Amino acid sequence: MKLKYFAWVKEILGKDEENIDIPMSVKTLGDLINWLISEDEDFAEVFRNRELVKAAIDLELQDYSYNIENAKEIAFFPPVTGG
């Protein structure tokens, strides 16, 4: 599965994307986040306040209960504002 990172998420992690193999026990976006946090302290910093990180699964914004079993790409980014 491809993970992509944008804005300050990318800055904290020091990369803009990566391909990962996730454990079979990871079923939802929330499960993925918990697993990432357990694997790397930089993810703990990124997700310290989860409301500040949005996720798009295969280009569609989703909440943390979304099932990711068939996802090809997940992007993490801060909320976007504009004027």
PDB file of N, CA and C in Angstrom:
ATOM      1  N   MET A   1       0.844  -1.162   0.000  1.00  0.00           N
ATOM      2  CA  MET A   1       0.000   0.000   0.000  1.00  0.00           C
ATOM      3  C   MET A   1       0.897   1.236   0.000  1.00  0.00           C
ATOM      4  N   LYS A   2       0.484   2.223  -0.772  1.00  0.00           N
ATOM      5  CA  LYS A   2       1.247   3.474  -0.835  1.00  0.00           C
ATOM      6  C   LYS A   2       0.660   4.471   0.153  1.00  0.00           C
ATOM      7  N   LEU A   3       1.544   5.078   0.952  1.00  0.00           N
ATOM      8  CA  LEU A   3       1.164   6.162   1.838  1.00  0.00           C
ATOM      9  C   LEU A   3       1.810   7.434   1.322  1.00  0.00           C
ATOM     10  N   LYS A   4       1.033   8.529   1.282  1.00  0.00           N
ATOM     11  CA  LYS A   4       1.542   9.820   0.836  1.00  0.00           C
ATOM     12  C   LYS A   4       1.331  10.833   1.955  1.00  0.00           C
ATOM     13  N   TYR A   5       2.278  11.775   2.075  1.00  0.00           N
ATOM     14  CA  TYR A   5       2.250  12.752   3.151  1.00  0.00           C
ATOM     15  C   TYR A   5       2.401  14.152   2.566  1.00  0.00           C
ATOM     16  N   PHE A   6       1.641  15.101   3.131  1.00  0.00           N
ATOM     17  CA  PHE A   6       1.658  16.467   2.618  1.00  0.00           C
ATOM     18  C   PHE A   6       1.838  17.471   3.754  1.00  0.00           C
ATOM     19  N   ALA A   7       2.363  18.652   3.390  1.00  0.00           N
ATOM     20  CA  ALA A   7       2.520  19.804   4.290  1.00  0.00           C
ATOM     21  C   ALA A   7       3.355  19.427   5.510  1.00  0.00           C
ATOM     22  N   TRP A   8       2.921  19.837   6.716  1.00  0.00           N
ATOM     23  CA  TRP A   8       3.735  19.593   7.902  1.00  0.00           C
ATOM     24  C   TRP A   8       3.831  18.115   8.252  1.00  0.00           C
ATOM     25  N   VAL A   9       2.896  17.293   7.790  1.00  0.00           N
ATOM     26  CA  VAL A   9       3.002  15.837   8.001  1.00  0.00           C
ATOM     27  C   VAL A   9       4.264  15.333   7.300  1.00  0.00           C
ATOM     28  N   LYS A  10       4.464  15.767   6.073  1.00  0.00           N
ATOM     29  CA  LYS A  10       5.656  15.404   5.293  1.00  0.00           C
ATOM     30  C   LYS A  10       6.920  15.906   5.982  1.00  0.00           C
ATOM     31  N   GLU A  11       6.873  17.115   6.501  1.00  0.00           N
ATOM     32  CA  GLU A  11       8.051  17.689   7.167  1.00  0.00           C
ATOM     33  C   GLU A  11       8.442  16.893   8.408  1.00  0.00           C
ATOM     34  N   ILE A  12       7.475  16.515   9.226  1.00  0.00           N
ATOM     35  CA  ILE A  12       7.767  15.746  10.439  1.00  0.00           C
ATOM     36  C   ILE A  12       8.333  14.376  10.086  1.00  0.00           C
ATOM     37  N   LEU A  13       7.758  13.724   9.087  1.00  0.00           N
ATOM     38  CA  LEU A  13       8.191  12.370   8.724  1.00  0.00           C
ATOM     39  C   LEU A  13       9.456  12.360   7.872  1.00  0.00           C
ATOM     40  N   GLY A  14       9.763  13.475   7.228  1.00  0.00           N
ATOM     41  CA  GLY A  14      10.953  13.547   6.401  1.00  0.00           C
ATOM     42  C   GLY A  14      10.853  12.791   5.088  1.00  0.00           C
ATOM     43  N   LYS A  15       9.624  12.560   4.640  1.00  0.00           N
ATOM     44  CA  LYS A  15       9.410  11.876   3.354  1.00  0.00           C
ATOM     45  C   LYS A  15       8.036  12.243   2.841  1.00  0.00           C
ATOM     46  N   ASP A  16       7.867  12.150   1.528  1.00  0.00           N
ATOM     47  CA  ASP A  16       6.567  12.497   0.968  1.00  0.00           C
ATOM     48  C   ASP A  16       5.710  11.286   0.623  1.00  0.00           C
ATOM     49  N   GLU A  17       6.326  10.116   0.552  1.00  0.00           N
ATOM     50  CA  GLU A  17       5.561   8.894   0.312  1.00  0.00           C
ATOM     51  C   GLU A  17       6.407   7.678   0.625  1.00  0.00           C
ATOM     52  N   GLU A  18       5.716   6.544   0.772  1.00  0.00           N
ATOM     53  CA  GLU A  18       6.392   5.264   0.969  1.00  0.00           C
ATOM     54  C   GLU A  18       5.416   4.147   0.664  1.00  0.00           C
ATOM     55  N   ASN A  19       5.956   2.997   0.349  1.00  0.00           N
ATOM     56  CA  ASN A  19       5.162   1.786   0.170  1.00  0.00           C
ATOM     57  C   ASN A  19       5.379   0.907   1.390  1.00  0.00           C
ATOM     58  N   ILE A  20       4.279   0.428   1.976  1.00  0.00           N
ATOM     59  CA  ILE A  20       4.392  -0.396   3.173  1.00  0.00           C
ATOM     60  C   ILE A  20       3.564  -1.666   3.031  1.00  0.00           C
ATOM     61  N   ASP A  21       3.954  -2.663   3.779  1.00  0.00           N
ATOM     62  CA  ASP A  21       3.163  -3.880   3.942  1.00  0.00           C
ATOM     63  C   ASP A  21       2.582  -3.821   5.342  1.00  0.00           C
ATOM     64  N   ILE A  22       1.269  -3.847   5.434  1.00  0.00           N
ATOM     65  CA  ILE A  22       0.641  -3.741   6.740  1.00  0.00           C
ATOM     66  C   ILE A  22       0.244  -5.130   7.248  1.00  0.00           C
ATOM     67  N   PRO A  23       0.199  -5.306   8.560  1.00  0.00           N
ATOM     68  CA  PRO A  23      -0.216  -6.594   9.122  1.00  0.00           C
ATOM     69  C   PRO A  23      -1.674  -6.909   8.784  1.00  0.00           C
ATOM     70  N   MET A  24      -2.003  -8.168   8.764  1.00  0.00           N
ATOM     71  CA  MET A  24      -3.373  -8.604   8.473  1.00  0.00           C
ATOM     72  C   MET A  24      -4.375  -8.066   9.495  1.00  0.00           C
ATOM     73  N   SER A  25      -3.916  -7.772  10.701  1.00  0.00           N
ATOM     74  CA  SER A  25      -4.807  -7.288  11.759  1.00  0.00           C
ATOM     75  C   SER A  25      -5.267  -5.850  11.531  1.00  0.00           C
ATOM     76  N   VAL A  26      -4.626  -5.131  10.635  1.00  0.00           N
ATOM     77  CA  VAL A  26      -4.980  -3.741  10.348  1.00  0.00           C
ATOM     78  C   VAL A  26      -6.124  -3.729   9.335  1.00  0.00           C
ATOM     79  N   LYS A  27      -7.296  -3.322   9.807  1.00  0.00           N
ATOM     80  CA  LYS A  27      -8.492  -3.349   8.955  1.00  0.00           C
ATOM     81  C   LYS A  27      -9.028  -1.959   8.618  1.00  0.00           C
ATOM     82  N   THR A  28      -8.899  -1.015   9.554  1.00  0.00           N
ATOM     83  CA  THR A  28      -9.469   0.321   9.358  1.00  0.00           C
ATOM     84  C   THR A  28      -8.359   1.364   9.321  1.00  0.00           C
ATOM     85  N   LEU A  29      -8.729   2.549   8.929  1.00  0.00           N
ATOM     86  CA  LEU A  29      -7.774   3.651   8.929  1.00  0.00           C
ATOM     87  C   LEU A  29      -7.265   3.905  10.347  1.00  0.00           C
ATOM     88  N   GLY A  30      -8.142   3.826  11.338  1.00  0.00           N
ATOM     89  CA  GLY A  30      -7.729   3.984  12.728  1.00  0.00           C
ATOM     90  C   GLY A  30      -6.731   2.916  13.154  1.00  0.00           C
ATOM     91  N   ASP A  31      -6.959   1.670  12.725  1.00  0.00           N
ATOM     92  CA  ASP A  31      -6.009   0.584  13.006  1.00  0.00           C
ATOM     93  C   ASP A  31      -4.649   0.905  12.399  1.00  0.00           C
ATOM     94  N   LEU A  32      -4.663   1.410  11.172  1.00  0.00           N
ATOM     95  CA  LEU A  32      -3.410   1.753  10.494  1.00  0.00           C
ATOM     96  C   LEU A  32      -2.657   2.823  11.269  1.00  0.00           C
ATOM     97  N   ILE A  33      -3.361   3.847  11.697  1.00  0.00           N
ATOM     98  CA  ILE A  33      -2.716   4.926  12.446  1.00  0.00           C
ATOM     99  C   ILE A  33      -2.115   4.392  13.739  1.00  0.00           C
ATOM    100  N   ASN A  34      -2.867   3.569  14.463  1.00  0.00           N
ATOM    101  CA  ASN A  34      -2.341   2.990  15.702  1.00  0.00           C
ATOM    102  C   ASN A  34      -1.103   2.146  15.432  1.00  0.00           C
ATOM    103  N   TRP A  35      -1.112   1.383  14.356  1.00  0.00           N
ATOM    104  CA  TRP A  35       0.048   0.554  14.005  1.00  0.00           C
ATOM    105  C   TRP A  35       1.247   1.427  13.633  1.00  0.00           C
ATOM    106  N   LEU A  36       1.012   2.476  12.833  1.00  0.00           N
ATOM    107  CA  LEU A  36       2.103   3.377  12.458  1.00  0.00           C
ATOM    108  C   LEU A  36       2.726   4.018  13.697  1.00  0.00           C
ATOM    109  N   ILE A  37       1.887   4.446  14.631  1.00  0.00           N
ATOM    110  CA  ILE A  37       2.382   5.051  15.876  1.00  0.00           C
ATOM    111  C   ILE A  37       3.253   4.057  16.638  1.00  0.00           C
ATOM    112  N   SER A  38       2.843   2.796  16.665  1.00  0.00           N
ATOM    113  CA  SER A  38       3.612   1.786  17.398  1.00  0.00           C
ATOM    114  C   SER A  38       4.940   1.464  16.722  1.00  0.00           C
ATOM    115  N   GLU A  39       5.040   1.752  15.438  1.00  0.00           N
ATOM    116  CA  GLU A  39       6.244   1.433  14.670  1.00  0.00           C
ATOM    117  C   GLU A  39       7.261   2.569  14.621  1.00  0.00           C
ATOM    118  N   ASP A  40       6.813   3.820  14.784  1.00  0.00           N
ATOM    119  CA  ASP A  40       7.699   4.965  14.562  1.00  0.00           C
ATOM    120  C   ASP A  40       7.228   6.157  15.387  1.00  0.00           C
ATOM    121  N   GLU A  41       8.096   6.681  16.241  1.00  0.00           N
ATOM    122  CA  GLU A  41       7.719   7.798  17.114  1.00  0.00           C
ATOM    123  C   GLU A  41       7.372   9.070  16.339  1.00  0.00           C
ATOM    124  N   ASP A  42       7.860   9.219  15.118  1.00  0.00           N
ATOM    125  CA  ASP A  42       7.479  10.381  14.306  1.00  0.00           C
ATOM    126  C   ASP A  42       5.983  10.369  14.007  1.00  0.00           C
ATOM    127  N   PHE A  43       5.415   9.179  13.818  1.00  0.00           N
ATOM    128  CA  PHE A  43       3.970   9.089  13.595  1.00  0.00           C
ATOM    129  C   PHE A  43       3.207   9.473  14.855  1.00  0.00           C
ATOM    130  N   ALA A  44       3.762   9.165  16.027  1.00  0.00           N
ATOM    131  CA  ALA A  44       3.119   9.585  17.280  1.00  0.00           C
ATOM    132  C   ALA A  44       3.024  11.099  17.331  1.00  0.00           C
ATOM    133  N   GLU A  45       4.048  11.783  16.856  1.00  0.00           N
ATOM    134  CA  GLU A  45       4.011  13.248  16.812  1.00  0.00           C
ATOM    135  C   GLU A  45       2.969  13.735  15.806  1.00  0.00           C
ATOM    136  N   VAL A  46       2.942  13.128  14.625  1.00  0.00           N
ATOM    137  CA  VAL A  46       1.978  13.530  13.591  1.00  0.00           C
ATOM    138  C   VAL A  46       0.544  13.370  14.096  1.00  0.00           C
ATOM    139  N   PHE A  47       0.255  12.247  14.754  1.00  0.00           N
ATOM    140  CA  PHE A  47      -1.116  11.938  15.154  1.00  0.00           C
ATOM    141  C   PHE A  47      -1.417  12.272  16.618  1.00  0.00           C
ATOM    142  N   ARG A  48      -0.578  13.092  17.236  1.00  0.00           N
ATOM    143  CA  ARG A  48      -0.809  13.491  18.628  1.00  0.00           C
ATOM    144  C   ARG A  48      -2.200  14.106  18.780  1.00  0.00           C
ATOM    145  N   ASN A  49      -2.607  14.907  17.820  1.00  0.00           N
ATOM    146  CA  ASN A  49      -3.939  15.503  17.798  1.00  0.00           C
ATOM    147  C   ASN A  49      -4.578  15.075  16.471  1.00  0.00           C
ATOM    148  N   ARG A  50      -5.296  13.986  16.498  1.00  0.00           N
ATOM    149  CA  ARG A  50      -5.806  13.379  15.256  1.00  0.00           C
ATOM    150  C   ARG A  50      -6.750  14.275  14.469  1.00  0.00           C
ATOM    151  N   GLU A  51      -7.416  15.220  15.145  1.00  0.00           N
ATOM    152  CA  GLU A  51      -8.320  16.113  14.415  1.00  0.00           C
ATOM    153  C   GLU A  51      -7.569  17.001  13.436  1.00  0.00           C
ATOM    154  N   LEU A  52      -6.252  17.119  13.624  1.00  0.00           N
ATOM    155  CA  LEU A  52      -5.454  17.977  12.747  1.00  0.00           C
ATOM    156  C   LEU A  52      -4.936  17.248  11.511  1.00  0.00           C
ATOM    157  N   VAL A  53      -5.264  15.958  11.376  1.00  0.00           N
ATOM    158  CA  VAL A  53      -4.792  15.188  10.225  1.00  0.00           C
ATOM    159  C   VAL A  53      -6.000  14.568   9.525  1.00  0.00           C
ATOM    160  N   LYS A  54      -6.135  14.879   8.260  1.00  0.00           N
ATOM    161  CA  LYS A  54      -7.185  14.292   7.426  1.00  0.00           C
ATOM    162  C   LYS A  54      -6.580  13.167   6.598  1.00  0.00           C
ATOM    163  N   ALA A  55      -7.442  12.298   6.080  1.00  0.00           N
ATOM    164  CA  ALA A  55      -6.961  11.187   5.262  1.00  0.00           C
ATOM    165  C   ALA A  55      -7.857  11.010   4.038  1.00  0.00           C
ATOM    166  N   ALA A  56      -7.214  10.776   2.907  1.00  0.00           N
ATOM    167  CA  ALA A  56      -7.924  10.440   1.678  1.00  0.00           C
ATOM    168  C   ALA A  56      -7.486   9.039   1.275  1.00  0.00           C
ATOM    169  N   ILE A  57      -8.460   8.194   1.054  1.00  0.00           N
ATOM    170  CA  ILE A  57      -8.188   6.823   0.629  1.00  0.00           C
ATOM    171  C   ILE A  57      -8.604   6.718  -0.826  1.00  0.00           C
ATOM    172  N   ASP A  58      -7.631   6.392  -1.663  1.00  0.00           N
ATOM    173  CA  ASP A  58      -7.852   6.339  -3.108  1.00  0.00           C
ATOM    174  C   ASP A  58      -8.582   7.600  -3.589  1.00  0.00           C
ATOM    175  N   LEU A  59      -8.064   8.751  -3.134  1.00  0.00           N
ATOM    176  CA  LEU A  59      -8.483  10.094  -3.529  1.00  0.00           C
ATOM    177  C   LEU A  59      -9.821  10.552  -2.957  1.00  0.00           C
ATOM    178  N   GLU A  60     -10.388   9.816  -1.970  1.00  0.00           N
ATOM    179  CA  GLU A  60     -11.645  10.228  -1.357  1.00  0.00           C
ATOM    180  C   GLU A  60     -11.450  10.405   0.140  1.00  0.00           C
ATOM    181  N   LEU A  61     -11.862  11.556   0.666  1.00  0.00           N
ATOM    182  CA  LEU A  61     -11.751  11.847   2.086  1.00  0.00           C
ATOM    183  C   LEU A  61     -12.566  10.834   2.883  1.00  0.00           C
ATOM    184  N   GLN A  62     -11.945  10.257   3.923  1.00  0.00           N
ATOM    185  CA  GLN A  62     -12.608   9.232   4.732  1.00  0.00           C
ATOM    186  C   GLN A  62     -12.348   9.478   6.211  1.00  0.00           C
ATOM    187  N   ASP A  63     -13.202   8.893   7.068  1.00  0.00           N
ATOM    188  CA  ASP A  63     -12.960   8.999   8.504  1.00  0.00           C
ATOM    189  C   ASP A  63     -12.156   7.783   8.972  1.00  0.00           C
ATOM    190  N   TYR A  64     -11.774   7.818  10.250  1.00  0.00           N
ATOM    191  CA  TYR A  64     -10.849   6.803  10.769  1.00  0.00           C
ATOM    192  C   TYR A  64     -11.480   5.425  10.944  1.00  0.00           C
ATOM    193  N   SER A  65     -12.793   5.299  10.793  1.00  0.00           N
ATOM    194  CA  SER A  65     -13.432   3.982  10.880  1.00  0.00           C
ATOM    195  C   SER A  65     -13.499   3.276   9.524  1.00  0.00           C
ATOM    196  N   TYR A  66     -13.062   3.949   8.463  1.00  0.00           N
ATOM    197  CA  TYR A  66     -13.157   3.408   7.107  1.00  0.00           C
ATOM    198  C   TYR A  66     -12.299   2.158   6.939  1.00  0.00           C
ATOM    199  N   ASN A  67     -12.855   1.140   6.297  1.00  0.00           N
ATOM    200  CA  ASN A  67     -12.139  -0.113   6.037  1.00  0.00           C
ATOM    201  C   ASN A  67     -11.140   0.088   4.898  1.00  0.00           C
ATOM    202  N   ILE A  68      -9.875  -0.235   5.158  1.00  0.00           N
ATOM    203  CA  ILE A  68      -8.811   0.020   4.171  1.00  0.00           C
ATOM    204  C   ILE A  68      -8.293  -1.253   3.489  1.00  0.00           C
ATOM    205  N   GLU A  69      -8.974  -2.361   3.682  1.00  0.00           N
ATOM    206  CA  GLU A  69      -8.460  -3.637   3.169  1.00  0.00           C
ATOM    207  C   GLU A  69      -8.174  -3.625   1.665  1.00  0.00           C
ATOM    208  N   ASN A  70      -8.927  -2.887   0.885  1.00  0.00           N
ATOM    209  CA  ASN A  70      -8.719  -2.857  -0.568  1.00  0.00           C
ATOM    210  C   ASN A  70      -8.092  -1.556  -1.061  1.00  0.00           C
ATOM    211  N   ALA A  71      -7.627  -0.734  -0.140  1.00  0.00           N
ATOM    212  CA  ALA A  71      -7.055   0.559  -0.516  1.00  0.00           C
ATOM    213  C   ALA A  71      -5.722   0.372  -1.241  1.00  0.00           C
ATOM    214  N   LYS A  72      -5.499   1.218  -2.218  1.00  0.00           N
ATOM    215  CA  LYS A  72      -4.226   1.225  -2.943  1.00  0.00           C
ATOM    216  C   LYS A  72      -3.341   2.367  -2.461  1.00  0.00           C
ATOM    217  N   GLU A  73      -3.969   3.494  -2.078  1.00  0.00           N
ATOM    218  CA  GLU A  73      -3.216   4.680  -1.675  1.00  0.00           C
ATOM    219  C   GLU A  73      -3.956   5.419  -0.564  1.00  0.00           C
ATOM    220  N   ILE A  74      -3.188   5.828   0.453  1.00  0.00           N
ATOM    221  CA  ILE A  74      -3.735   6.637   1.529  1.00  0.00           C
ATOM    222  C   ILE A  74      -2.867   7.875   1.662  1.00  0.00           C
ATOM    223  N   ALA A  75      -3.510   9.032   1.664  1.00  0.00           N
ATOM    224  CA  ALA A  75      -2.788  10.305   1.796  1.00  0.00           C
ATOM    225  C   ALA A  75      -3.181  10.952   3.127  1.00  0.00           C
ATOM    226  N   PHE A  76      -2.183  11.441   3.848  1.00  0.00           N
ATOM    227  CA  PHE A  76      -2.398  12.147   5.107  1.00  0.00           C
ATOM    228  C   PHE A  76      -1.996  13.602   4.933  1.00  0.00           C
ATOM    229  N   PHE A  77      -2.853  14.524   5.425  1.00  0.00           N
ATOM    230  CA  PHE A  77      -2.593  15.946   5.240  1.00  0.00           C
ATOM    231  C   PHE A  77      -3.364  16.746   6.279  1.00  0.00           C
ATOM    232  N   PRO A  78      -2.914  17.968   6.579  1.00  0.00           N
ATOM    233  CA  PRO A  78      -3.688  18.825   7.489  1.00  0.00           C
ATOM    234  C   PRO A  78      -4.927  19.360   6.776  1.00  0.00           C
ATOM    235  N   PRO A  79      -5.914  19.817   7.569  1.00  0.00           N
ATOM    236  CA  PRO A  79      -7.092  20.428   6.928  1.00  0.00           C
ATOM    237  C   PRO A  79      -6.653  21.585   6.019  1.00  0.00           C
ATOM    238  N   VAL A  80      -7.363  21.741   4.920  1.00  0.00           N
ATOM    239  CA  VAL A  80      -7.030  22.781   3.947  1.00  0.00           C
ATOM    240  C   VAL A  80      -8.008  23.928   4.113  1.00  0.00           C
ATOM    241  N   THR A  81      -7.472  25.135   4.156  1.00  0.00           N
ATOM    242  CA  THR A  81      -8.336  26.318   4.182  1.00  0.00           C
ATOM    243  C   THR A  81      -7.984  27.183   2.989  1.00  0.00           C
ATOM    244  N   GLY A  82      -8.872  28.006   2.635  1.00  0.00           N
ATOM    245  CA  GLY A  82      -8.608  28.873   1.482  1.00  0.00           C
ATOM    246  C   GLY A  82      -9.439  30.130   1.552  1.00  0.00           C
ATOM    247  N   GLY A  83      -9.140  31.000   0.647  1.00  0.00           N
ATOM    248  CA  GLY A  83      -9.898  32.244   0.658  1.00  0.00           C
ATOM    249  C   GLY A  83     -10.183  32.698  -0.730  1.00  0.00           C
TER     250      GLY A  83
END
